[in-house]
């Protein structure tokens, strides 16, 4: 089943628990809370290197960090985010 990442992310933001930002994402990974990580296609390389150290599903968002921020309903750029609780979304099935 193909999951629409944009819709699933909006639903996860509304009904689940999502940590926004590179620093919070990395902390969620260190604490073992992140079930999935979504990164913008222009996420900084140093952030990607840290994320790759963890055994967690990582999906690259097809847009920029500004577009990812807009999908999340934020007026700022979002290079990375961690899904801690997917809520009512199907986001963990996204590819």
PDB file of N, CA and C in Angstrom:
ATOM      1  N   UNK A   1       0.840  -1.184   0.000  1.00  0.00           N
ATOM      2  CA  UNK A   1       0.000   0.000   0.000  1.00  0.00           C
ATOM      3  C   UNK A   1       0.884   1.247   0.000  1.00  0.00           C
ATOM      4  N   UNK A   2       0.655   2.119  -0.953  1.00  0.00           N
ATOM      5  CA  UNK A   2       1.410   3.361  -1.077  1.00  0.00           C
ATOM      6  C   UNK A   2       0.822   4.414  -0.140  1.00  0.00           C
ATOM      7  N   UNK A   3       1.664   4.980   0.701  1.00  0.00           N
ATOM      8  CA  UNK A   3       1.226   5.984   1.661  1.00  0.00           C
ATOM      9  C   UNK A   3       1.651   7.364   1.160  1.00  0.00           C
ATOM     10  N   UNK A   4       0.713   8.317   1.175  1.00  0.00           N
ATOM     11  CA  UNK A   4       1.018   9.702   0.820  1.00  0.00           C
ATOM     12  C   UNK A   4       1.741  10.324   2.017  1.00  0.00           C
ATOM     13  N   UNK A   5       3.036  10.564   1.848  1.00  0.00           N
ATOM     14  CA  UNK A   5       3.856  11.061   2.954  1.00  0.00           C
ATOM     15  C   UNK A   5       3.336  12.385   3.499  1.00  0.00           C
ATOM     16  N   UNK A   6       2.909  13.289   2.628  1.00  0.00           N
ATOM     17  CA  UNK A   6       2.430  14.598   3.075  1.00  0.00           C
ATOM     18  C   UNK A   6       1.203  14.454   3.977  1.00  0.00           C
ATOM     19  N   UNK A   7       0.219  13.674   3.523  1.00  0.00           N
ATOM     20  CA  UNK A   7      -1.002  13.475   4.324  1.00  0.00           C
ATOM     21  C   UNK A   7      -0.697  12.748   5.623  1.00  0.00           C
ATOM     22  N   UNK A   8       0.132  11.714   5.530  1.00  0.00           N
ATOM     23  CA  UNK A   8       0.471  10.935   6.725  1.00  0.00           C
ATOM     24  C   UNK A   8       1.219  11.797   7.745  1.00  0.00           C
ATOM     25  N   UNK A   9       2.095  12.657   7.261  1.00  0.00           N
ATOM     26  CA  UNK A   9       2.849  13.532   8.163  1.00  0.00           C
ATOM     27  C   UNK A   9       1.925  14.528   8.852  1.00  0.00           C
ATOM     28  N   UNK A  10       1.003  15.115   8.090  1.00  0.00           N
ATOM     29  CA  UNK A  10       0.043  16.049   8.700  1.00  0.00           C
ATOM     30  C   UNK A  10      -0.780  15.349   9.779  1.00  0.00           C
ATOM     31  N   UNK A  11      -1.227  14.131   9.492  1.00  0.00           N
ATOM     32  CA  UNK A  11      -2.028  13.385  10.469  1.00  0.00           C
ATOM     33  C   UNK A  11      -1.189  13.018  11.702  1.00  0.00           C
ATOM     34  N   UNK A  12       0.064  12.637  11.491  1.00  0.00           N
ATOM     35  CA  UNK A  12       0.953  12.322  12.614  1.00  0.00           C
ATOM     36  C   UNK A  12       1.183  13.561  13.478  1.00  0.00           C
ATOM     37  N   UNK A  13       1.315  14.714  12.839  1.00  0.00           N
ATOM     38  CA  UNK A  13       1.497  15.966  13.585  1.00  0.00           C
ATOM     39  C   UNK A  13       0.271  16.261  14.449  1.00  0.00           C
ATOM     40  N   UNK A  14      -0.901  15.942  13.907  1.00  0.00           N
ATOM     41  CA  UNK A  14      -2.153  16.235  14.602  1.00  0.00           C
ATOM     42  C   UNK A  14      -2.473  15.216  15.700  1.00  0.00           C
ATOM     43  N   UNK A  15      -2.213  13.935  15.453  1.00  0.00           N
ATOM     44  CA  UNK A  15      -2.689  12.895  16.368  1.00  0.00           C
ATOM     45  C   UNK A  15      -1.587  12.155  17.107  1.00  0.00           C
ATOM     46  N   UNK A  16      -0.335  12.339  16.688  1.00  0.00           N
ATOM     47  CA  UNK A  16       0.765  11.606  17.309  1.00  0.00           C
ATOM     48  C   UNK A  16       1.739  12.526  18.006  1.00  0.00           C
ATOM     49  N   UNK A  17       2.991  12.090  18.023  1.00  0.00           N
ATOM     50  CA  UNK A  17       4.056  12.885  18.643  1.00  0.00           C
ATOM     51  C   UNK A  17       5.230  12.938  17.674  1.00  0.00           C
ATOM     52  N   UNK A  18       5.576  14.153  17.246  1.00  0.00           N
ATOM     53  CA  UNK A  18       6.631  14.367  16.269  1.00  0.00           C
ATOM     54  C   UNK A  18       7.610  15.388  16.841  1.00  0.00           C
ATOM     55  N   UNK A  19       8.880  15.045  16.839  1.00  0.00           N
ATOM     56  CA  UNK A  19       9.919  15.973  17.289  1.00  0.00           C
ATOM     57  C   UNK A  19      10.485  16.668  16.056  1.00  0.00           C
ATOM     58  N   UNK A  20      10.410  17.987  16.034  1.00  0.00           N
ATOM     59  CA  UNK A  20      10.833  18.772  14.880  1.00  0.00           C
ATOM     60  C   UNK A  20      12.196  19.406  15.127  1.00  0.00           C
ATOM     61  N   UNK A  21      13.041  19.332  14.108  1.00  0.00           N
ATOM     62  CA  UNK A  21      14.360  19.956  14.169  1.00  0.00           C
ATOM     63  C   UNK A  21      15.464  18.921  14.305  1.00  0.00           C
ATOM     64  N   UNK A  22      16.626  19.277  13.792  1.00  0.00           N
ATOM     65  CA  UNK A  22      17.768  18.361  13.789  1.00  0.00           C
ATOM     66  C   UNK A  22      18.208  17.979  15.202  1.00  0.00           C
ATOM     67  N   UNK A  23      18.309  18.966  16.089  1.00  0.00           N
ATOM     68  CA  UNK A  23      18.777  18.684  17.451  1.00  0.00           C
ATOM     69  C   UNK A  23      17.816  17.765  18.198  1.00  0.00           C
ATOM     70  N   UNK A  24      16.517  18.033  18.096  1.00  0.00           N
ATOM     71  CA  UNK A  24      15.526  17.186  18.777  1.00  0.00           C
ATOM     72  C   UNK A  24      15.475  15.800  18.151  1.00  0.00           C
ATOM     73  N   UNK A  25      15.658  15.722  16.835  1.00  0.00           N
ATOM     74  CA  UNK A  25      15.668  14.431  16.147  1.00  0.00           C
ATOM     75  C   UNK A  25      16.839  13.588  16.631  1.00  0.00           C
ATOM     76  N   UNK A  26      18.016  14.193  16.696  1.00  0.00           N
ATOM     77  CA  UNK A  26      19.206  13.466  17.154  1.00  0.00           C
ATOM     78  C   UNK A  26      19.044  13.040  18.610  1.00  0.00           C
ATOM     79  N   UNK A  27      18.466  13.889  19.440  1.00  0.00           N
ATOM     80  CA  UNK A  27      18.224  13.517  20.845  1.00  0.00           C
ATOM     81  C   UNK A  27      17.241  12.351  20.933  1.00  0.00           C
ATOM     82  N   UNK A  28      16.187  12.369  20.098  1.00  0.00           N
ATOM     83  CA  UNK A  28      15.218  11.264  20.091  1.00  0.00           C
ATOM     84  C   UNK A  28      15.898   9.965  19.669  1.00  0.00           C
ATOM     85  N   UNK A  29      16.826  10.044  18.728  1.00  0.00           N
ATOM     86  CA  UNK A  29      17.567   8.855  18.308  1.00  0.00           C
ATOM     87  C   UNK A  29      18.448   8.341  19.441  1.00  0.00           C
ATOM     88  N   UNK A  30      19.166   9.241  20.108  1.00  0.00           N
ATOM     89  CA  UNK A  30      20.034   8.851  21.225  1.00  0.00           C
ATOM     90  C   UNK A  30      19.237   8.222  22.359  1.00  0.00           C
ATOM     91  N   UNK A  31      18.028   8.755  22.594  1.00  0.00           N
ATOM     92  CA  UNK A  31      17.183   8.254  23.681  1.00  0.00           C
ATOM     93  C   UNK A  31      16.392   7.001  23.286  1.00  0.00           C
ATOM     94  N   UNK A  32      16.485   6.599  22.005  1.00  0.00           N
ATOM     95  CA  UNK A  32      15.771   5.419  21.530  1.00  0.00           C
ATOM     96  C   UNK A  32      14.275   5.626  21.349  1.00  0.00           C
ATOM     97  N   UNK A  33      13.842   6.881  21.226  1.00  0.00           N
ATOM     98  CA  UNK A  33      12.413   7.189  21.094  1.00  0.00           C
ATOM     99  C   UNK A  33      11.930   7.227  19.650  1.00  0.00           C
ATOM    100  N   UNK A  34      12.821   7.515  18.712  1.00  0.00           N
ATOM    101  CA  UNK A  34      12.428   7.703  17.310  1.00  0.00           C
ATOM    102  C   UNK A  34      12.096   6.373  16.644  1.00  0.00           C
ATOM    103  N   UNK A  35      10.899   6.294  16.066  1.00  0.00           N
ATOM    104  CA  UNK A  35      10.499   5.118  15.300  1.00  0.00           C
ATOM    105  C   UNK A  35      10.854   5.296  13.830  1.00  0.00           C
ATOM    106  N   UNK A  36      10.952   6.557  13.415  1.00  0.00           N
ATOM    107  CA  UNK A  36      11.227   6.885  12.022  1.00  0.00           C
ATOM    108  C   UNK A  36      11.763   8.307  11.963  1.00  0.00           C
ATOM    109  N   UNK A  37      12.610   8.570  10.969  1.00  0.00           N
ATOM    110  CA  UNK A  37      13.151   9.911  10.770  1.00  0.00           C
ATOM    111  C   UNK A  37      12.839  10.335   9.338  1.00  0.00           C
ATOM    112  N   UNK A  38      12.421  11.582   9.186  1.00  0.00           N
ATOM    113  CA  UNK A  38      12.197  12.158   7.860  1.00  0.00           C
ATOM    114  C   UNK A  38      13.151  13.331   7.715  1.00  0.00           C
ATOM    115  N   UNK A  39      13.895  13.335   6.609  1.00  0.00           N
ATOM    116  CA  UNK A  39      14.846  14.413   6.351  1.00  0.00           C
ATOM    117  C   UNK A  39      14.497  15.089   5.031  1.00  0.00           C
ATOM    118  N   UNK A  40      14.732  16.389   4.964  1.00  0.00           N
ATOM    119  CA  UNK A  40      14.535  17.132   3.722  1.00  0.00           C
ATOM    120  C   UNK A  40      15.645  16.766   2.752  1.00  0.00           C
ATOM    121  N   UNK A  41      15.400  16.952   1.461  1.00  0.00           N
ATOM    122  CA  UNK A  41      16.415  16.571   0.476  1.00  0.00           C
ATOM    123  C   UNK A  41      17.672  17.429   0.583  1.00  0.00           C
ATOM    124  N   UNK A  42      17.570  18.588   1.233  1.00  0.00           N
ATOM    125  CA  UNK A  42      18.752  19.438   1.419  1.00  0.00           C
ATOM    126  C   UNK A  42      19.193  19.483   2.886  1.00  0.00           C
ATOM    127  N   UNK A  43      18.920  18.413   3.605  1.00  0.00           N
ATOM    128  CA  UNK A  43      19.353  18.308   5.010  1.00  0.00           C
ATOM    129  C   UNK A  43      20.884  18.377   5.051  1.00  0.00           C
ATOM    130  N   UNK A  44      21.458  19.116   6.003  1.00  0.00           N
ATOM    131  CA  UNK A  44      22.920  19.218   6.090  1.00  0.00           C
ATOM    132  C   UNK A  44      23.586  17.842   6.225  1.00  0.00           C
ATOM    133  N   UNK A  45      24.698  17.681   5.543  1.00  0.00           N
ATOM    134  CA  UNK A  45      25.419  16.399   5.512  1.00  0.00           C
ATOM    135  C   UNK A  45      25.833  15.942   6.908  1.00  0.00           C
ATOM    136  N   UNK A  46      26.229  16.883   7.774  1.00  0.00           N
ATOM    137  CA  UNK A  46      26.664  16.490   9.124  1.00  0.00           C
ATOM    138  C   UNK A  46      25.509  15.895   9.937  1.00  0.00           C
ATOM    139  N   UNK A  47      24.299  16.367   9.703  1.00  0.00           N
ATOM    140  CA  UNK A  47      23.114  15.806  10.374  1.00  0.00           C
ATOM    141  C   UNK A  47      22.828  14.404   9.835  1.00  0.00           C
ATOM    142  N   UNK A  48      22.919  14.250   8.518  1.00  0.00           N
ATOM    143  CA  UNK A  48      22.691  12.934   7.909  1.00  0.00           C
ATOM    144  C   UNK A  48      23.689  11.899   8.415  1.00  0.00           C
ATOM    145  N   UNK A  49      24.936  12.310   8.589  1.00  0.00           N
ATOM    146  CA  UNK A  49      25.963  11.385   9.090  1.00  0.00           C
ATOM    147  C   UNK A  49      25.612  10.872  10.485  1.00  0.00           C
ATOM    148  N   UNK A  50      25.112  11.745  11.335  1.00  0.00           N
ATOM    149  CA  UNK A  50      24.723  11.327  12.691  1.00  0.00           C
ATOM    150  C   UNK A  50      23.522  10.397  12.632  1.00  0.00           C
ATOM    151  N   UNK A  51      22.524  10.732  11.813  1.00  0.00           N
ATOM    152  CA  UNK A  51      21.308   9.920  11.706  1.00  0.00           C
ATOM    153  C   UNK A  51      21.637   8.525  11.200  1.00  0.00           C
ATOM    154  N   UNK A  52      22.583   8.409  10.262  1.00  0.00           N
ATOM    155  CA  UNK A  52      22.956   7.114   9.685  1.00  0.00           C
ATOM    156  C   UNK A  52      23.544   6.153  10.718  1.00  0.00           C
ATOM    157  N   UNK A  53      24.030   6.661  11.828  1.00  0.00           N
ATOM    158  CA  UNK A  53      24.619   5.808  12.870  1.00  0.00           C
ATOM    159  C   UNK A  53      23.573   4.969  13.601  1.00  0.00           C
ATOM    160  N   UNK A  54      22.312   5.346  13.473  1.00  0.00           N
ATOM    161  CA  UNK A  54      21.241   4.680  14.210  1.00  0.00           C
ATOM    162  C   UNK A  54      20.435   3.771  13.284  1.00  0.00           C
ATOM    163  N   UNK A  55      19.985   2.671  13.834  1.00  0.00           N
ATOM    164  CA  UNK A  55      19.208   1.700  13.067  1.00  0.00           C
ATOM    165  C   UNK A  55      17.733   2.073  13.152  1.00  0.00           C
ATOM    166  N   UNK A  56      17.359   3.088  12.376  1.00  0.00           N
ATOM    167  CA  UNK A  56      15.975   3.554  12.346  1.00  0.00           C
ATOM    168  C   UNK A  56      15.623   3.875  10.895  1.00  0.00           C
ATOM    169  N   UNK A  57      14.381   3.596  10.544  1.00  0.00           N
ATOM    170  CA  UNK A  57      13.926   3.866   9.178  1.00  0.00           C
ATOM    171  C   UNK A  57      14.040   5.358   8.899  1.00  0.00           C
ATOM    172  N   UNK A  58      14.709   5.696   7.794  1.00  0.00           N
ATOM    173  CA  UNK A  58      14.892   7.090   7.404  1.00  0.00           C
ATOM    174  C   UNK A  58      14.309   7.291   6.011  1.00  0.00           C
ATOM    175  N   UNK A  59      13.456   8.296   5.881  1.00  0.00           N
ATOM    176  CA  UNK A  59      12.821   8.614   4.603  1.00  0.00           C
ATOM    177  C   UNK A  59      13.255  10.022   4.209  1.00  0.00           C
ATOM    178  N   UNK A  60      13.643  10.175   2.951  1.00  0.00           N
ATOM    179  CA  UNK A  60      14.010  11.495   2.438  1.00  0.00           C
ATOM    180  C   UNK A  60      12.781  12.129   1.800  1.00  0.00           C
ATOM    181  N   UNK A  61      12.400  13.272   2.343  1.00  0.00           N
ATOM    182  CA  UNK A  61      11.285  14.054   1.815  1.00  0.00           C
ATOM    183  C   UNK A  61      11.711  14.647   0.480  1.00  0.00           C
ATOM    184  N   UNK A  62      10.835  14.649  -0.506  1.00  0.00           N
ATOM    185  CA  UNK A  62      11.194  15.079  -1.855  1.00  0.00           C
ATOM    186  C   UNK A  62      11.404  16.584  -1.991  1.00  0.00           C
ATOM    187  N   UNK A  63      11.021  17.348  -0.978  1.00  0.00           N
ATOM    188  CA  UNK A  63      11.165  18.800  -1.037  1.00  0.00           C
ATOM    189  C   UNK A  63      12.296  19.313  -0.162  1.00  0.00           C
ATOM    190  N   UNK A  64      12.423  20.632  -0.140  1.00  0.00           N
ATOM    191  CA  UNK A  64      13.463  21.287   0.660  1.00  0.00           C
ATOM    192  C   UNK A  64      13.029  21.400   2.119  1.00  0.00           C
ATOM    193  N   UNK A  65      13.932  21.907   2.936  1.00  0.00           N
ATOM    194  CA  UNK A  65      13.616  22.105   4.353  1.00  0.00           C
ATOM    195  C   UNK A  65      12.503  23.137   4.547  1.00  0.00           C
ATOM    196  N   UNK A  66      12.413  24.123   3.649  1.00  0.00           N
ATOM    197  CA  UNK A  66      11.317  25.101   3.741  1.00  0.00           C
ATOM    198  C   UNK A  66       9.976  24.435   3.428  1.00  0.00           C
ATOM    199  N   UNK A  67       9.964  23.551   2.432  1.00  0.00           N
ATOM    200  CA  UNK A  67       8.740  22.836   2.068  1.00  0.00           C
ATOM    201  C   UNK A  67       8.330  21.851   3.163  1.00  0.00           C
ATOM    202  N   UNK A  68       9.307  21.204   3.781  1.00  0.00           N
ATOM    203  CA  UNK A  68       9.004  20.278   4.880  1.00  0.00           C
ATOM    204  C   UNK A  68       8.419  21.049   6.060  1.00  0.00           C
ATOM    205  N   UNK A  69       8.960  22.224   6.346  1.00  0.00           N
ATOM    206  CA  UNK A  69       8.414  23.069   7.405  1.00  0.00           C
ATOM    207  C   UNK A  69       6.972  23.457   7.123  1.00  0.00           C
ATOM    208  N   UNK A  70       6.677  23.782   5.867  1.00  0.00           N
ATOM    209  CA  UNK A  70       5.315  24.166   5.482  1.00  0.00           C
ATOM    210  C   UNK A  70       4.352  22.986   5.646  1.00  0.00           C
ATOM    211  N   UNK A  71       4.771  21.789   5.269  1.00  0.00           N
ATOM    212  CA  UNK A  71       3.927  20.594   5.425  1.00  0.00           C
ATOM    213  C   UNK A  71       3.609  20.374   6.904  1.00  0.00           C
ATOM    214  N   UNK A  72       4.588  20.673   7.761  1.00  0.00           N
ATOM    215  CA  UNK A  72       4.404  20.507   9.210  1.00  0.00           C
ATOM    216  C   UNK A  72       3.601  21.650   9.827  1.00  0.00           C
ATOM    217  N   UNK A  73       3.272  22.660   9.019  1.00  0.00           N
ATOM    218  CA  UNK A  73       2.517  23.797   9.522  1.00  0.00           C
ATOM    219  C   UNK A  73       3.366  24.779  10.307  1.00  0.00           C
ATOM    220  N   UNK A  74       4.661  24.767  10.038  1.00  0.00           N
ATOM    221  CA  UNK A  74       5.583  25.660  10.750  1.00  0.00           C
ATOM    222  C   UNK A  74       6.064  26.772   9.830  1.00  0.00           C
ATOM    223  N   UNK A  75       6.241  27.984  10.364  1.00  0.00           N
ATOM    224  CA  UNK A  75       6.697  29.110   9.536  1.00  0.00           C
ATOM    225  C   UNK A  75       8.226  29.182   9.433  1.00  0.00           C
ATOM    226  N   UNK A  76       8.885  28.040   9.572  1.00  0.00           N
ATOM    227  CA  UNK A  76      10.350  27.995   9.499  1.00  0.00           C
ATOM    228  C   UNK A  76      10.777  26.698   8.825  1.00  0.00           C
ATOM    229  N   UNK A  77      12.045  26.621   8.461  1.00  0.00           N
ATOM    230  CA  UNK A  77      12.544  25.430   7.778  1.00  0.00           C
ATOM    231  C   UNK A  77      12.735  24.287   8.767  1.00  0.00           C
ATOM    232  N   UNK A  78      12.514  23.070   8.275  1.00  0.00           N
ATOM    233  CA  UNK A  78      12.679  21.858   9.078  1.00  0.00           C
ATOM    234  C   UNK A  78      13.535  20.894   8.254  1.00  0.00           C
ATOM    235  N   UNK A  79      14.784  20.696   8.677  1.00  0.00           N
ATOM    236  CA  UNK A  79      15.686  19.806   7.937  1.00  0.00           C
ATOM    237  C   UNK A  79      15.445  18.350   8.303  1.00  0.00           C
ATOM    238  N   UNK A  80      15.040  18.097   9.564  1.00  0.00           N
ATOM    239  CA  UNK A  80      14.825  16.718  10.014  1.00  0.00           C
ATOM    240  C   UNK A  80      13.749  16.705  11.090  1.00  0.00           C
ATOM    241  N   UNK A  81      13.054  15.573  11.157  1.00  0.00           N
ATOM    242  CA  UNK A  81      12.072  15.372  12.223  1.00  0.00           C
ATOM    243  C   UNK A  81      12.006  13.897  12.567  1.00  0.00           C
ATOM    244  N   UNK A  82      11.602  13.624  13.793  1.00  0.00           N
ATOM    245  CA  UNK A  82      11.506  12.246  14.273  1.00  0.00           C
ATOM    246  C   UNK A  82      10.060  11.923  14.615  1.00  0.00           C
ATOM    247  N   UNK A  83       9.593  10.786  14.137  1.00  0.00           N
ATOM    248  CA  UNK A  83       8.273  10.288  14.497  1.00  0.00           C
ATOM    249  C   UNK A  83       8.461   9.452  15.762  1.00  0.00           C
ATOM    250  N   UNK A  84       7.906   9.922  16.862  1.00  0.00           N
ATOM    251  CA  UNK A  84       7.993   9.212  18.136  1.00  0.00           C
ATOM    252  C   UNK A  84       6.744   8.364  18.333  1.00  0.00           C
ATOM    253  N   UNK A  85       5.591   8.932  17.979  1.00  0.00           N
ATOM    254  CA  UNK A  85       4.319   8.208  18.040  1.00  0.00           C
ATOM    255  C   UNK A  85       3.548   8.591  16.784  1.00  0.00           C
ATOM    256  N   UNK A  86       3.201   7.600  15.966  1.00  0.00           N
ATOM    257  CA  UNK A  86       2.547   7.888  14.683  1.00  0.00           C
ATOM    258  C   UNK A  86       1.089   8.288  14.813  1.00  0.00           C
ATOM    259  N   UNK A  87       0.489   8.123  15.976  1.00  0.00           N
ATOM    260  CA  UNK A  87      -0.906   8.490  16.171  1.00  0.00           C
ATOM    261  C   UNK A  87      -1.803   7.680  15.252  1.00  0.00           C
ATOM    262  N   UNK A  88      -2.739   8.337  14.596  1.00  0.00           N
ATOM    263  CA  UNK A  88      -3.685   7.665  13.706  1.00  0.00           C
ATOM    264  C   UNK A  88      -3.180   7.589  12.265  1.00  0.00           C
ATOM    265  N   UNK A  89      -1.946   7.990  12.035  1.00  0.00           N
ATOM    266  CA  UNK A  89      -1.412   8.015  10.668  1.00  0.00           C
ATOM    267  C   UNK A  89      -0.840   6.651  10.269  1.00  0.00           C
ATOM    268  N   UNK A  90      -0.577   6.510   8.994  1.00  0.00           N
ATOM    269  CA  UNK A  90       0.061   5.317   8.434  1.00  0.00           C
ATOM    270  C   UNK A  90       1.508   5.625   8.066  1.00  0.00           C
ATOM    271  N   UNK A  91       2.084   6.629   8.713  1.00  0.00           N
ATOM    272  CA  UNK A  91       3.384   7.148   8.288  1.00  0.00           C
ATOM    273  C   UNK A  91       4.511   6.122   8.376  1.00  0.00           C
ATOM    274  N   UNK A  92       4.423   5.184   9.298  1.00  0.00           N
ATOM    275  CA  UNK A  92       5.501   4.211   9.430  1.00  0.00           C
ATOM    276  C   UNK A  92       5.554   3.263   8.230  1.00  0.00           C
ATOM    277  N   UNK A  93       4.504   3.260   7.402  1.00  0.00           N
ATOM    278  CA  UNK A  93       4.510   2.444   6.182  1.00  0.00           C
ATOM    279  C   UNK A  93       4.994   3.218   4.969  1.00  0.00           C
ATOM    280  N   UNK A  94       5.352   4.477   5.145  1.00  0.00           N
ATOM    281  CA  UNK A  94       5.819   5.304   4.031  1.00  0.00           C
ATOM    282  C   UNK A  94       7.208   4.852   3.588  1.00  0.00           C
ATOM    283  N   UNK A  95       7.494   5.140   2.325  1.00  0.00           N
ATOM    284  CA  UNK A  95       8.810   4.772   1.776  1.00  0.00           C
ATOM    285  C   UNK A  95       9.507   5.973   1.209  1.00  0.00           C
TER     286      UNK A  95
END
